[in-house]
């Protein structure tokens, strides 16, 4: 099976995936994956990650990061769905990406590129939903400056980088399609 070994682009993807692993395991899915005794009490094995998340919440009062089924009351119920998608699709894809690009160092196949395209589109889209949600935050609680900070410093890069990754994977897939079309066209002319 043909692979793309474009070193700098694959290294960028590998860096992105390596960044995602601790963020998914220890920030996004902290309460989802682990019992409270593993992260809440001071001295618990994952308490540093819990403390970092609590500091972020205290500092920015980000309602998306604070969300839990207990506090949702029907509001932003999409966040729970996004957490399930992160656990069931994003996490396995990220782990596979690390294995494929960092451990095997084999480049990407057409199937990998399709998987990474879907992954990148999903991350960009769900983050875009989070950005959109910030426009509806209560102005009495969230200043315009804080809303801009959430949009452009925290969520913006998480939307833009995967969008660029989606363009990269789409261009790789398009290259494969054009090559296959050229072969078929060559066979027709014989």
N, C-alpha and C. Protein backbone atom coordinates (compact mmCIF):
# COMPACT_ATOMS: atom_id res chain seq x y z
N UNK A 1 0.85 -1.17 0.00
CA UNK A 1 0.00 0.00 0.00
C UNK A 1 0.90 1.24 0.00
N UNK A 2 0.59 2.18 -0.84
CA UNK A 2 1.40 3.40 -0.95
C UNK A 2 1.26 4.25 0.31
N UNK A 3 2.37 4.87 0.68
CA UNK A 3 2.35 5.75 1.86
C UNK A 3 2.94 7.10 1.51
N UNK A 4 2.48 8.10 2.24
CA UNK A 4 3.08 9.43 2.17
C UNK A 4 4.05 9.53 3.33
N UNK A 5 5.29 9.83 3.04
CA UNK A 5 6.28 9.99 4.09
C UNK A 5 6.77 11.42 4.15
N UNK A 6 5.92 12.37 3.81
CA UNK A 6 6.28 13.78 3.83
C UNK A 6 6.66 14.14 5.27
N UNK A 7 7.94 14.17 5.52
CA UNK A 7 8.48 14.23 6.87
C UNK A 7 7.93 15.37 7.71
N UNK A 8 7.99 16.60 7.24
CA UNK A 8 7.60 17.71 8.10
C UNK A 8 6.11 17.68 8.42
N UNK A 9 5.28 17.29 7.46
CA UNK A 9 3.84 17.23 7.74
C UNK A 9 3.52 16.09 8.70
N UNK A 10 4.14 14.95 8.50
CA UNK A 10 3.91 13.84 9.43
C UNK A 10 4.44 14.16 10.82
N UNK A 11 5.56 14.88 10.89
CA UNK A 11 6.08 15.29 12.20
C UNK A 11 5.13 16.27 12.88
N UNK A 12 4.51 17.15 12.10
CA UNK A 12 3.53 18.08 12.68
C UNK A 12 2.33 17.30 13.23
N UNK A 13 1.85 16.33 12.47
CA UNK A 13 0.76 15.48 12.95
C UNK A 13 1.17 14.71 14.19
N UNK A 14 2.39 14.15 14.18
CA UNK A 14 2.87 13.40 15.33
C UNK A 14 2.92 14.31 16.56
N UNK A 15 3.43 15.53 16.39
CA UNK A 15 3.47 16.48 17.51
C UNK A 15 2.08 16.79 18.04
N UNK A 16 1.13 16.98 17.13
CA UNK A 16 -0.25 17.25 17.53
C UNK A 16 -0.82 16.07 18.33
N UNK A 17 -0.63 14.86 17.82
CA UNK A 17 -1.14 13.68 18.51
C UNK A 17 -0.47 13.50 19.87
N UNK A 18 0.84 13.72 19.94
CA UNK A 18 1.54 13.59 21.22
C UNK A 18 1.05 14.62 22.23
N UNK A 19 0.69 15.80 21.77
CA UNK A 19 0.11 16.83 22.64
C UNK A 19 -1.28 16.41 23.13
N UNK A 20 -2.03 15.77 22.26
CA UNK A 20 -3.40 15.38 22.58
C UNK A 20 -3.48 14.29 23.66
N UNK A 21 -2.53 13.37 23.67
CA UNK A 21 -2.62 12.23 24.59
C UNK A 21 -2.78 12.68 26.05
N UNK A 22 -1.86 13.49 26.60
CA UNK A 22 -2.06 13.88 28.00
C UNK A 22 -3.27 14.79 28.20
N UNK A 23 -3.58 15.63 27.22
CA UNK A 23 -4.74 16.51 27.37
C UNK A 23 -6.04 15.72 27.45
N UNK A 24 -6.16 14.70 26.62
CA UNK A 24 -7.38 13.88 26.64
C UNK A 24 -7.44 13.05 27.92
N UNK A 25 -6.35 12.35 28.25
CA UNK A 25 -6.34 11.46 29.41
C UNK A 25 -6.46 12.20 30.74
N UNK A 26 -5.81 13.36 30.85
CA UNK A 26 -5.67 13.98 32.17
C UNK A 26 -6.38 15.32 32.35
N UNK A 27 -6.96 15.87 31.29
CA UNK A 27 -7.70 17.12 31.44
C UNK A 27 -9.15 16.91 30.98
N UNK A 28 -9.33 16.66 29.68
CA UNK A 28 -10.69 16.56 29.13
C UNK A 28 -11.50 15.44 29.77
N UNK A 29 -10.90 14.27 29.89
CA UNK A 29 -11.64 13.10 30.36
C UNK A 29 -11.29 12.70 31.79
N UNK A 30 -10.71 13.62 32.55
CA UNK A 30 -10.29 13.31 33.92
C UNK A 30 -11.44 12.74 34.75
N UNK A 31 -12.56 13.46 34.80
CA UNK A 31 -13.71 13.01 35.59
C UNK A 31 -14.45 11.86 34.91
N UNK A 32 -14.27 11.72 33.62
CA UNK A 32 -14.96 10.70 32.83
C UNK A 32 -14.29 9.33 33.00
N UNK A 33 -12.95 9.31 33.07
CA UNK A 33 -12.21 8.05 33.09
C UNK A 33 -11.87 7.53 34.48
N UNK A 34 -11.69 8.43 35.44
CA UNK A 34 -11.12 8.03 36.72
C UNK A 34 -12.09 8.29 37.87
N UNK A 35 -12.04 7.44 38.92
CA UNK A 35 -12.84 7.72 40.12
C UNK A 35 -12.27 8.94 40.84
N UNK A 36 -13.11 9.64 41.58
CA UNK A 36 -12.71 10.89 42.24
C UNK A 36 -11.51 10.73 43.17
N UNK A 37 -11.37 9.58 43.82
CA UNK A 37 -10.26 9.41 44.76
C UNK A 37 -8.90 9.42 44.07
N UNK A 38 -8.87 9.25 42.75
CA UNK A 38 -7.60 9.24 42.01
C UNK A 38 -7.12 10.66 41.70
N UNK A 39 -8.05 11.64 41.72
CA UNK A 39 -7.64 13.00 41.34
C UNK A 39 -8.03 14.08 42.34
N UNK A 40 -9.10 13.92 43.11
CA UNK A 40 -9.57 15.03 43.96
C UNK A 40 -8.72 15.30 45.20
N UNK A 41 -8.45 14.32 46.04
CA UNK A 41 -7.72 14.65 47.28
C UNK A 41 -6.28 15.10 47.00
N UNK A 42 -5.82 16.05 47.81
CA UNK A 42 -4.43 16.45 47.73
C UNK A 42 -3.55 15.23 47.98
N UNK A 43 -2.56 15.04 47.15
CA UNK A 43 -1.70 13.87 47.26
C UNK A 43 -2.14 12.70 46.40
N UNK A 44 -3.33 12.79 45.82
CA UNK A 44 -3.80 11.73 44.92
C UNK A 44 -2.91 11.70 43.67
N UNK A 45 -2.79 10.55 43.02
CA UNK A 45 -1.88 10.43 41.88
C UNK A 45 -2.11 11.45 40.77
N UNK A 46 -3.35 11.80 40.49
CA UNK A 46 -3.65 12.73 39.40
C UNK A 46 -4.11 14.10 39.90
N UNK A 47 -3.82 14.41 41.15
CA UNK A 47 -4.28 15.67 41.73
C UNK A 47 -3.72 16.89 41.01
N UNK A 48 -2.50 16.83 40.52
CA UNK A 48 -1.90 17.98 39.82
C UNK A 48 -2.74 18.37 38.61
N UNK A 49 -3.25 17.39 37.89
CA UNK A 49 -4.09 17.67 36.72
C UNK A 49 -5.43 18.26 37.14
N UNK A 50 -5.98 17.72 38.21
CA UNK A 50 -7.23 18.24 38.75
C UNK A 50 -7.04 19.69 39.21
N UNK A 51 -5.93 19.95 39.90
CA UNK A 51 -5.64 21.31 40.38
C UNK A 51 -5.47 22.27 39.21
N UNK A 52 -4.81 21.82 38.15
CA UNK A 52 -4.64 22.66 36.95
C UNK A 52 -5.99 22.99 36.33
N UNK A 53 -6.86 22.00 36.24
CA UNK A 53 -8.19 22.22 35.68
C UNK A 53 -9.01 23.17 36.57
N UNK A 54 -8.91 23.00 37.89
CA UNK A 54 -9.62 23.89 38.81
C UNK A 54 -9.09 25.32 38.72
N UNK A 55 -7.78 25.47 38.56
CA UNK A 55 -7.19 26.80 38.39
C UNK A 55 -7.74 27.46 37.13
N UNK A 56 -7.80 26.72 36.03
CA UNK A 56 -8.34 27.26 34.78
C UNK A 56 -9.80 27.68 34.97
N UNK A 57 -10.58 26.86 35.64
CA UNK A 57 -11.99 27.18 35.88
C UNK A 57 -12.11 28.43 36.74
N UNK A 58 -11.30 28.51 37.79
CA UNK A 58 -11.31 29.69 38.66
C UNK A 58 -10.92 30.95 37.89
N UNK A 59 -9.93 30.81 37.04
CA UNK A 59 -9.39 31.95 36.31
C UNK A 59 -10.35 32.45 35.23
N UNK A 60 -10.95 31.53 34.48
CA UNK A 60 -11.73 31.90 33.30
C UNK A 60 -13.21 31.56 33.39
N UNK A 61 -13.62 30.82 34.40
CA UNK A 61 -15.03 30.48 34.58
C UNK A 61 -15.64 29.87 33.31
N UNK A 62 -14.85 29.08 32.61
CA UNK A 62 -15.28 28.49 31.34
C UNK A 62 -16.38 27.46 31.59
N UNK A 63 -17.61 27.75 31.14
CA UNK A 63 -18.72 26.83 31.43
C UNK A 63 -18.59 25.49 30.70
N UNK A 64 -17.89 25.47 29.59
CA UNK A 64 -17.73 24.22 28.85
C UNK A 64 -16.84 23.26 29.63
N UNK A 65 -15.77 23.77 30.21
CA UNK A 65 -14.86 22.93 30.99
C UNK A 65 -15.50 22.53 32.32
N UNK A 66 -16.40 23.36 32.84
CA UNK A 66 -17.07 23.07 34.12
C UNK A 66 -18.22 22.08 33.98
N UNK A 67 -18.66 21.81 32.76
CA UNK A 67 -19.85 21.02 32.54
C UNK A 67 -19.73 19.62 33.15
N UNK A 68 -20.82 19.17 33.72
CA UNK A 68 -20.95 17.78 34.16
C UNK A 68 -22.43 17.42 34.05
N UNK A 69 -22.77 16.15 33.96
CA UNK A 69 -24.18 15.78 33.88
C UNK A 69 -24.98 16.29 35.09
N UNK A 70 -24.32 16.36 36.25
CA UNK A 70 -25.00 16.80 37.47
C UNK A 70 -25.33 18.29 37.42
N UNK A 71 -24.49 19.09 36.79
CA UNK A 71 -24.70 20.55 36.77
C UNK A 71 -25.37 21.03 35.49
N UNK A 72 -25.61 20.14 34.55
CA UNK A 72 -26.10 20.57 33.23
C UNK A 72 -27.53 21.10 33.26
N UNK A 73 -28.41 20.45 33.95
CA UNK A 73 -29.83 20.83 33.99
C UNK A 73 -30.39 21.04 32.58
N UNK A 74 -29.99 20.19 31.65
CA UNK A 74 -30.48 20.29 30.29
C UNK A 74 -29.75 21.31 29.43
N UNK A 75 -28.94 22.18 30.04
CA UNK A 75 -28.21 23.19 29.28
C UNK A 75 -26.93 22.59 28.71
N UNK A 76 -26.64 22.91 27.49
CA UNK A 76 -25.42 22.44 26.84
C UNK A 76 -25.27 20.93 26.93
N UNK A 77 -26.37 20.21 26.70
CA UNK A 77 -26.32 18.75 26.78
C UNK A 77 -25.43 18.16 25.70
N UNK A 78 -25.11 18.94 24.68
CA UNK A 78 -24.21 18.48 23.62
C UNK A 78 -22.81 18.20 24.15
N UNK A 79 -22.42 18.82 25.25
CA UNK A 79 -21.07 18.62 25.78
C UNK A 79 -20.88 17.16 26.20
N UNK A 80 -21.89 16.56 26.81
CA UNK A 80 -21.81 15.15 27.17
C UNK A 80 -21.60 14.27 25.95
N UNK A 81 -22.31 14.57 24.87
CA UNK A 81 -22.13 13.83 23.62
C UNK A 81 -20.70 14.00 23.11
N UNK A 82 -20.19 15.22 23.16
CA UNK A 82 -18.83 15.47 22.69
C UNK A 82 -17.80 14.70 23.52
N UNK A 83 -18.03 14.58 24.83
CA UNK A 83 -17.12 13.81 25.68
C UNK A 83 -17.14 12.32 25.31
N UNK A 84 -18.32 11.81 24.99
CA UNK A 84 -18.41 10.41 24.55
C UNK A 84 -17.67 10.22 23.22
N UNK A 85 -17.85 11.15 22.30
CA UNK A 85 -17.14 11.08 21.01
C UNK A 85 -15.64 11.15 21.24
N UNK A 86 -15.22 12.01 22.17
CA UNK A 86 -13.79 12.12 22.47
C UNK A 86 -13.24 10.79 22.99
N UNK A 87 -14.00 10.13 23.85
CA UNK A 87 -13.55 8.85 24.41
C UNK A 87 -13.61 7.73 23.38
N UNK A 88 -14.69 7.65 22.62
CA UNK A 88 -14.91 6.51 21.73
C UNK A 88 -14.23 6.64 20.37
N UNK A 89 -14.00 7.88 19.90
CA UNK A 89 -13.40 8.06 18.57
C UNK A 89 -12.07 8.81 18.61
N UNK A 90 -12.05 9.97 19.25
CA UNK A 90 -10.83 10.78 19.22
C UNK A 90 -9.66 10.11 19.93
N UNK A 91 -9.89 9.61 21.13
CA UNK A 91 -8.81 8.97 21.89
C UNK A 91 -8.21 7.78 21.13
N UNK A 92 -9.02 6.83 20.64
CA UNK A 92 -8.41 5.74 19.86
C UNK A 92 -7.68 6.22 18.61
N UNK A 93 -8.22 7.24 17.95
CA UNK A 93 -7.56 7.77 16.75
C UNK A 93 -6.23 8.40 17.10
N UNK A 94 -6.19 9.16 18.18
CA UNK A 94 -4.94 9.79 18.61
C UNK A 94 -3.91 8.72 18.98
N UNK A 95 -4.32 7.71 19.72
CA UNK A 95 -3.40 6.64 20.10
C UNK A 95 -2.89 5.90 18.86
N UNK A 96 -3.77 5.65 17.90
CA UNK A 96 -3.35 5.02 16.65
C UNK A 96 -2.39 5.94 15.89
N UNK A 97 -2.68 7.23 15.86
CA UNK A 97 -1.80 8.18 15.18
C UNK A 97 -0.41 8.21 15.78
N UNK A 98 -0.33 8.17 17.11
CA UNK A 98 0.97 8.12 17.78
C UNK A 98 1.68 6.82 17.41
N UNK A 99 0.95 5.72 17.46
CA UNK A 99 1.55 4.43 17.11
C UNK A 99 2.06 4.43 15.67
N UNK A 100 1.23 4.89 14.76
CA UNK A 100 1.57 4.86 13.34
C UNK A 100 2.73 5.80 13.01
N UNK A 101 2.68 7.03 13.53
CA UNK A 101 3.66 8.04 13.13
C UNK A 101 4.89 8.11 14.03
N UNK A 102 4.74 7.80 15.31
CA UNK A 102 5.87 7.91 16.24
C UNK A 102 6.55 6.57 16.50
N UNK A 103 5.77 5.51 16.59
CA UNK A 103 6.34 4.20 16.90
C UNK A 103 6.76 3.48 15.62
N UNK A 104 5.81 3.30 14.71
CA UNK A 104 6.12 2.60 13.46
C UNK A 104 6.92 3.46 12.49
N UNK A 105 6.69 4.76 12.52
CA UNK A 105 7.35 5.71 11.60
C UNK A 105 7.21 5.25 10.14
N UNK A 106 5.99 4.89 9.77
CA UNK A 106 5.75 4.34 8.43
C UNK A 106 5.05 5.30 7.49
N UNK A 107 4.78 6.50 7.91
CA UNK A 107 4.04 7.40 7.03
C UNK A 107 2.55 7.09 7.09
N UNK A 108 1.82 7.60 6.13
CA UNK A 108 0.37 7.41 6.14
C UNK A 108 -0.08 6.67 4.89
N UNK A 109 -1.03 5.79 5.06
CA UNK A 109 -1.67 5.11 3.94
C UNK A 109 -2.94 5.88 3.60
N UNK A 110 -3.60 5.48 2.54
CA UNK A 110 -4.87 6.11 2.18
C UNK A 110 -5.91 5.97 3.28
N UNK A 111 -5.95 4.80 3.91
CA UNK A 111 -6.90 4.57 5.01
C UNK A 111 -6.57 5.47 6.20
N UNK A 112 -5.27 5.63 6.50
CA UNK A 112 -4.87 6.53 7.59
C UNK A 112 -5.32 7.95 7.29
N UNK A 113 -5.10 8.37 6.06
CA UNK A 113 -5.44 9.75 5.68
C UNK A 113 -6.94 10.00 5.80
N UNK A 114 -7.74 9.02 5.42
CA UNK A 114 -9.19 9.17 5.56
C UNK A 114 -9.57 9.26 7.04
N UNK A 115 -8.99 8.40 7.87
CA UNK A 115 -9.25 8.44 9.31
C UNK A 115 -8.84 9.78 9.90
N UNK A 116 -7.64 10.26 9.55
CA UNK A 116 -7.14 11.52 10.11
C UNK A 116 -7.94 12.71 9.58
N UNK A 117 -8.46 12.61 8.35
CA UNK A 117 -9.33 13.67 7.82
C UNK A 117 -10.61 13.75 8.64
N UNK A 118 -11.24 12.61 8.89
CA UNK A 118 -12.47 12.60 9.70
C UNK A 118 -12.18 13.11 11.10
N UNK A 119 -11.07 12.66 11.68
CA UNK A 119 -10.65 13.13 13.01
C UNK A 119 -10.50 14.66 13.02
N UNK A 120 -9.76 15.19 12.06
CA UNK A 120 -9.50 16.63 12.02
C UNK A 120 -10.80 17.42 11.84
N UNK A 121 -11.67 16.95 10.97
CA UNK A 121 -12.96 17.63 10.76
C UNK A 121 -13.80 17.59 12.04
N UNK A 122 -13.79 16.46 12.73
CA UNK A 122 -14.57 16.34 13.97
C UNK A 122 -14.04 17.29 15.04
N UNK A 123 -12.72 17.34 15.22
CA UNK A 123 -12.14 18.24 16.22
C UNK A 123 -12.43 19.69 15.87
N UNK A 124 -12.24 20.05 14.60
CA UNK A 124 -12.50 21.43 14.18
C UNK A 124 -13.98 21.78 14.38
N UNK A 125 -14.87 20.88 14.00
CA UNK A 125 -16.30 21.17 14.12
C UNK A 125 -16.75 21.29 15.57
N UNK A 126 -16.36 20.34 16.42
CA UNK A 126 -16.81 20.41 17.81
C UNK A 126 -16.22 21.63 18.51
N UNK A 127 -15.01 22.01 18.15
CA UNK A 127 -14.43 23.22 18.74
C UNK A 127 -15.14 24.46 18.21
N UNK A 128 -15.54 24.42 16.95
CA UNK A 128 -16.31 25.54 16.39
C UNK A 128 -17.64 25.70 17.13
N UNK A 129 -18.26 24.60 17.51
CA UNK A 129 -19.49 24.66 18.31
C UNK A 129 -19.20 25.35 19.65
N UNK A 130 -18.07 25.02 20.27
CA UNK A 130 -17.69 25.67 21.53
C UNK A 130 -17.47 27.16 21.34
N UNK A 131 -16.80 27.54 20.25
CA UNK A 131 -16.59 28.96 19.95
C UNK A 131 -17.93 29.65 19.77
N UNK A 132 -18.82 29.03 19.01
CA UNK A 132 -20.15 29.61 18.79
C UNK A 132 -20.90 29.78 20.11
N UNK A 133 -20.75 28.83 21.00
CA UNK A 133 -21.42 28.89 22.30
C UNK A 133 -20.99 30.11 23.12
N UNK A 134 -19.73 30.54 22.95
CA UNK A 134 -19.25 31.68 23.74
C UNK A 134 -19.98 32.97 23.39
N UNK A 135 -20.56 33.05 22.21
CA UNK A 135 -21.32 34.25 21.83
C UNK A 135 -22.60 34.38 22.65
N UNK A 136 -23.05 33.30 23.26
CA UNK A 136 -24.30 33.32 24.02
C UNK A 136 -24.09 33.28 25.53
N UNK A 137 -22.85 33.44 25.97
CA UNK A 137 -22.59 33.49 27.41
C UNK A 137 -23.19 34.77 27.99
N UNK A 138 -23.70 34.68 29.19
CA UNK A 138 -24.34 35.81 29.86
C UNK A 138 -23.35 36.96 30.03
N UNK A 139 -23.68 38.11 29.45
CA UNK A 139 -22.80 39.29 29.51
C UNK A 139 -22.66 39.84 30.92
N UNK A 140 -23.59 39.51 31.80
CA UNK A 140 -23.47 39.95 33.19
C UNK A 140 -22.38 39.17 33.92
N UNK A 141 -22.08 37.97 33.45
CA UNK A 141 -21.08 37.12 34.09
C UNK A 141 -19.76 37.13 33.31
N UNK A 142 -19.86 37.18 31.99
CA UNK A 142 -18.68 37.08 31.12
C UNK A 142 -18.50 38.39 30.35
N UNK A 143 -17.39 39.06 30.60
CA UNK A 143 -17.10 40.30 29.88
C UNK A 143 -16.77 39.99 28.43
N UNK A 144 -16.87 41.00 27.57
CA UNK A 144 -16.51 40.82 26.17
C UNK A 144 -15.05 40.40 26.04
N UNK A 145 -14.20 40.95 26.90
CA UNK A 145 -12.78 40.60 26.86
C UNK A 145 -12.57 39.11 27.19
N UNK A 146 -13.28 38.62 28.21
CA UNK A 146 -13.16 37.21 28.57
C UNK A 146 -13.70 36.32 27.45
N UNK A 147 -14.80 36.72 26.84
CA UNK A 147 -15.34 35.95 25.72
C UNK A 147 -14.34 35.88 24.57
N UNK A 148 -13.68 37.00 24.27
CA UNK A 148 -12.65 37.01 23.21
C UNK A 148 -11.48 36.11 23.59
N UNK A 149 -11.10 36.14 24.86
CA UNK A 149 -10.01 35.27 25.33
C UNK A 149 -10.39 33.81 25.11
N UNK A 150 -11.59 33.44 25.49
CA UNK A 150 -12.04 32.06 25.29
C UNK A 150 -12.05 31.70 23.81
N UNK A 151 -12.56 32.61 22.98
CA UNK A 151 -12.66 32.33 21.54
C UNK A 151 -11.31 32.23 20.86
N UNK A 152 -10.47 33.23 21.07
CA UNK A 152 -9.26 33.36 20.26
C UNK A 152 -8.01 32.75 20.88
N UNK A 153 -7.93 32.68 22.20
CA UNK A 153 -6.73 32.12 22.81
C UNK A 153 -6.88 30.65 23.18
N UNK A 154 -8.08 30.24 23.56
CA UNK A 154 -8.26 28.86 23.99
C UNK A 154 -8.90 27.99 22.91
N UNK A 155 -10.02 28.40 22.38
CA UNK A 155 -10.72 27.55 21.41
C UNK A 155 -10.27 27.78 19.97
N UNK A 156 -9.90 28.99 19.63
CA UNK A 156 -9.51 29.31 18.25
C UNK A 156 -8.41 28.42 17.69
N UNK A 157 -7.27 28.31 18.40
CA UNK A 157 -6.22 27.43 17.88
C UNK A 157 -6.66 25.97 17.76
N UNK A 158 -7.54 25.54 18.69
CA UNK A 158 -8.02 24.15 18.67
C UNK A 158 -8.97 23.92 17.50
N UNK A 159 -9.46 24.97 16.90
CA UNK A 159 -10.29 24.85 15.69
C UNK A 159 -9.41 25.00 14.45
N UNK A 160 -8.52 25.97 14.47
CA UNK A 160 -7.70 26.29 13.30
C UNK A 160 -6.70 25.18 12.97
N UNK A 161 -5.99 24.68 13.95
CA UNK A 161 -4.96 23.66 13.69
C UNK A 161 -5.57 22.39 13.08
N UNK A 162 -6.66 21.84 13.63
CA UNK A 162 -7.27 20.68 12.98
C UNK A 162 -7.85 21.02 11.59
N UNK A 163 -8.34 22.24 11.41
CA UNK A 163 -8.83 22.62 10.08
C UNK A 163 -7.70 22.58 9.05
N UNK A 164 -6.53 23.06 9.44
CA UNK A 164 -5.35 22.98 8.57
C UNK A 164 -4.98 21.52 8.35
N UNK A 165 -5.07 20.71 9.41
CA UNK A 165 -4.80 19.27 9.27
C UNK A 165 -5.78 18.60 8.31
N UNK A 166 -7.04 19.02 8.35
CA UNK A 166 -8.04 18.46 7.43
C UNK A 166 -7.69 18.81 5.99
N UNK A 167 -7.23 20.04 5.78
CA UNK A 167 -6.82 20.45 4.43
C UNK A 167 -5.63 19.60 3.97
N UNK A 168 -4.68 19.36 4.88
CA UNK A 168 -3.53 18.52 4.55
C UNK A 168 -3.98 17.12 4.14
N UNK A 169 -4.82 16.49 4.95
CA UNK A 169 -5.25 15.13 4.63
C UNK A 169 -6.11 15.10 3.37
N UNK A 170 -6.96 16.10 3.18
CA UNK A 170 -7.77 16.15 1.96
C UNK A 170 -6.87 16.28 0.73
N UNK A 171 -5.81 17.07 0.84
CA UNK A 171 -4.90 17.22 -0.31
C UNK A 171 -4.15 15.92 -0.59
N UNK A 172 -3.81 15.18 0.45
CA UNK A 172 -3.16 13.88 0.24
C UNK A 172 -4.11 12.90 -0.44
N UNK A 173 -5.35 12.87 0.03
CA UNK A 173 -6.35 11.98 -0.57
C UNK A 173 -6.61 12.38 -2.01
N UNK A 174 -6.72 13.68 -2.27
CA UNK A 174 -6.93 14.16 -3.63
C UNK A 174 -5.77 13.74 -4.53
N UNK A 175 -4.54 13.81 -4.01
CA UNK A 175 -3.38 13.35 -4.77
C UNK A 175 -3.49 11.88 -5.15
N UNK A 176 -3.98 11.08 -4.23
CA UNK A 176 -4.17 9.65 -4.51
C UNK A 176 -5.25 9.44 -5.57
N UNK A 177 -6.33 10.21 -5.48
CA UNK A 177 -7.42 10.08 -6.45
C UNK A 177 -6.94 10.48 -7.84
N UNK A 178 -6.20 11.59 -7.92
CA UNK A 178 -5.68 12.03 -9.22
C UNK A 178 -4.72 11.00 -9.81
N UNK A 179 -3.88 10.40 -8.97
CA UNK A 179 -2.95 9.38 -9.46
C UNK A 179 -3.72 8.16 -9.97
N UNK A 180 -4.75 7.75 -9.24
CA UNK A 180 -5.57 6.61 -9.67
C UNK A 180 -6.31 6.93 -10.96
N UNK A 181 -6.83 8.16 -11.07
CA UNK A 181 -7.52 8.58 -12.30
C UNK A 181 -6.56 8.58 -13.48
N UNK A 182 -5.33 9.02 -13.27
CA UNK A 182 -4.34 9.04 -14.36
C UNK A 182 -4.03 7.62 -14.83
N UNK A 183 -3.93 6.69 -13.90
CA UNK A 183 -3.68 5.29 -14.27
C UNK A 183 -4.85 4.75 -15.07
N UNK A 184 -6.07 5.02 -14.62
CA UNK A 184 -7.25 4.56 -15.35
C UNK A 184 -7.33 5.19 -16.73
N UNK A 185 -7.01 6.45 -16.83
CA UNK A 185 -7.03 7.15 -18.12
C UNK A 185 -5.98 6.55 -19.05
N UNK A 186 -4.82 6.20 -18.48
CA UNK A 186 -3.76 5.57 -19.28
C UNK A 186 -4.19 4.22 -19.81
N UNK A 187 -4.92 3.47 -19.02
CA UNK A 187 -5.40 2.15 -19.45
C UNK A 187 -6.44 2.29 -20.56
N UNK A 188 -7.28 3.32 -20.46
CA UNK A 188 -8.31 3.53 -21.48
C UNK A 188 -7.70 3.88 -22.82
N UNK A 189 -6.61 4.62 -22.80
CA UNK A 189 -6.01 5.07 -24.06
C UNK A 189 -5.17 3.97 -24.72
N UNK A 190 -4.97 2.86 -24.06
CA UNK A 190 -4.17 1.77 -24.66
C UNK A 190 -4.99 0.90 -25.55
